[in-house]
Amino acid sequence: MNDQVRELWRNVDFRKMFASRVVSNLGNGMTPIALAFGVLDLPGGNAGSLSIVTAAHMVPLVLFMVIGGVAADRFGRALLVGGTDLLGSIFVSISALAFLSGHASVPLLAFNGFVFGVLNALWYPAFTGLMPQIVETRLLQSANALVGMGANLALTLGAATAGFLVAAFGSGWAILIDALSFFIAGCLVFSLRHLDRDAPTDEEKNVGIITQLKDGWIEFSSRRWIVIIVVSFAFFHPAFEGFIGVMAPVRAKEVLHGARDMGFMMAGWGLGGLLGTIAALRIHVKRPLLLAVGVMPTVSLWIFSMAVPMPIWFLVGTAVLGGIAIDVMYANWLTTLQTYVPEEAMSRVGAYDAFGSMIFAPMGLFVAGPFTKWVGTQTALVVVGTIALVAASVPLLSNEVRTLTRADQ
C-alpha cells in the first residue's frame, strides 16, 4: 500500500486532483449547515421552505445527469469538471452575498440551487470517469481511497467550522468560503485538460447523442449487479436526503443546540468518511460489493438516534459510523465500476448509476418538509430510518452482489 501511495504522489496530475477535492470539500462541509439554518432563520422560514430550496437543487441534478454522462464522454471530463466548478463558484457567491446583504429569499436561493443542480449534473459523471485517465487500473482503489481520505478530512473541518461560523456570524460568510473553494478547485482541474481525449473524429461526430445514450444503457443494464444496487439506492436516497437536508436540521433546532450541534454531527460524519477511506485504502477484499453493501444498514442508526433523541455525543458517534459505511461503500463501488466498465463508456454508465440512484431523491426532499410538519419530526425520522434500513439491506439478497470478485483477481 505504501508503495502505491508513493507512486500516486509522484504523479503531478493526481496531486492536482487530490488538492482540488480537499479544497472543494472544505467548502462543501460548510454550505449544507449554513444554507439549512440560513433558510430556517429567514422570516417565515420552516421545514417547507427548506424542502423547496434543497429540492430545487436536486431536481435538475437528476434530470440532466444522463446528458452529463454523454457530454463527459464526448467533450472531455477535465473540461467539464473544472468548468462547472468555476461557473458554480459564481452562483454560490450570489447566494452568499444575498445572505450578507440581507436580501436572501427562498425564490432566489431556489433559483441558484436549480442552476447549481444543472452544473452538478454535468460535473458528477465527468468526475466519475476522470480518475481512470489519471492513474493505472491497479492503482484505482488506492487513488479513490486517498482522494476520499483527504476530501473527508476537509469535509470534517468544514462542517466543524461551519457550526461555529453560522452561530457567530450567520450563514453568508460560510457560503462565501464555499464559493472560493469551488473557484480554486475549478482552476486546478481545468489545468488537467491535457488528459481529455482528442477532438472527436468525423465518424464520432456523426454518432448522435441518442446512440451514445443507448450504448451507455447497454453497458449499464447488461450488468445485473449494477442494476440491483442502483434500484436499492433509488429508495435509500430519498429517505436519506430528506433526513440530512430537512429533518436533521429541523430536529437539531427543536431539541439540540441548532447549528452548533448540527456542525458537530456533520463533523462526525466527515470523520467517519475519513476512517472509511483509510479502511478502503488498507483493505482490498476479494468480494468488494459484499463489503460495500454489508456495511450500509448501519447508516440508519443515526436517523433512529435522532428520533429518540439521544445525547449529542451518541448522535456524533452514530454519524461517525454512518460516514464509515458510506465511504467504504463508495470506494469499493466506484473501484468495481471503474474496473468492470470500459473506460470509454465510464461516464455514461456513471451517469445512469447516479440518475437511477437519485431519481426519487427530489421527491424525498419535496415531501420531507410537509411530512415532518404533518406527523411531527420524531415520527418522520422513524419512517425514513426504516425505509433507509430496508433499502440498504435488500442487495444482500442477491447472490451476484455477494459473490462478485475483484476484476484484478
Foldseek 3Di string as FASTA:
>chain_A
DVVLVVVQVVQPLLVLLLVLLLLLLLLVLQQLLQVQVQQCPPVVRALLLLLLLQLLLQVLLLVCQLVLLLCCLAPHLLQLQLVLLQVLLVLLLVQLVCSVVVNDDSVSSSVSSNVNSNSNSNNQLSVLLVVVLRDPLVSQLLSLLSSLLSNLLSSLNSLQVNLVCCVPPHSNVSSNSSSVSSNSSSVSSNVVRVSTDDHDDPVRVPQDPVNLLVVLVCLQVVQVLLVLLLQLLLQQQLLVCLCSRRLVQNLCVVPNVHSNLNSLQSSLLSLLLNVLSVCSNVDDDFQLLLLLLVQQLLLLVLLLCSLVPDDSVVNSVSSSSNSNNNNSNVSSVSSQLVLSGDSSSSSSSSSVSVSSSSVCNSVSSNVSSVVCVVPNSNVSSVVSSVSNNVSSNVSVVDPCSNPDTRPVD
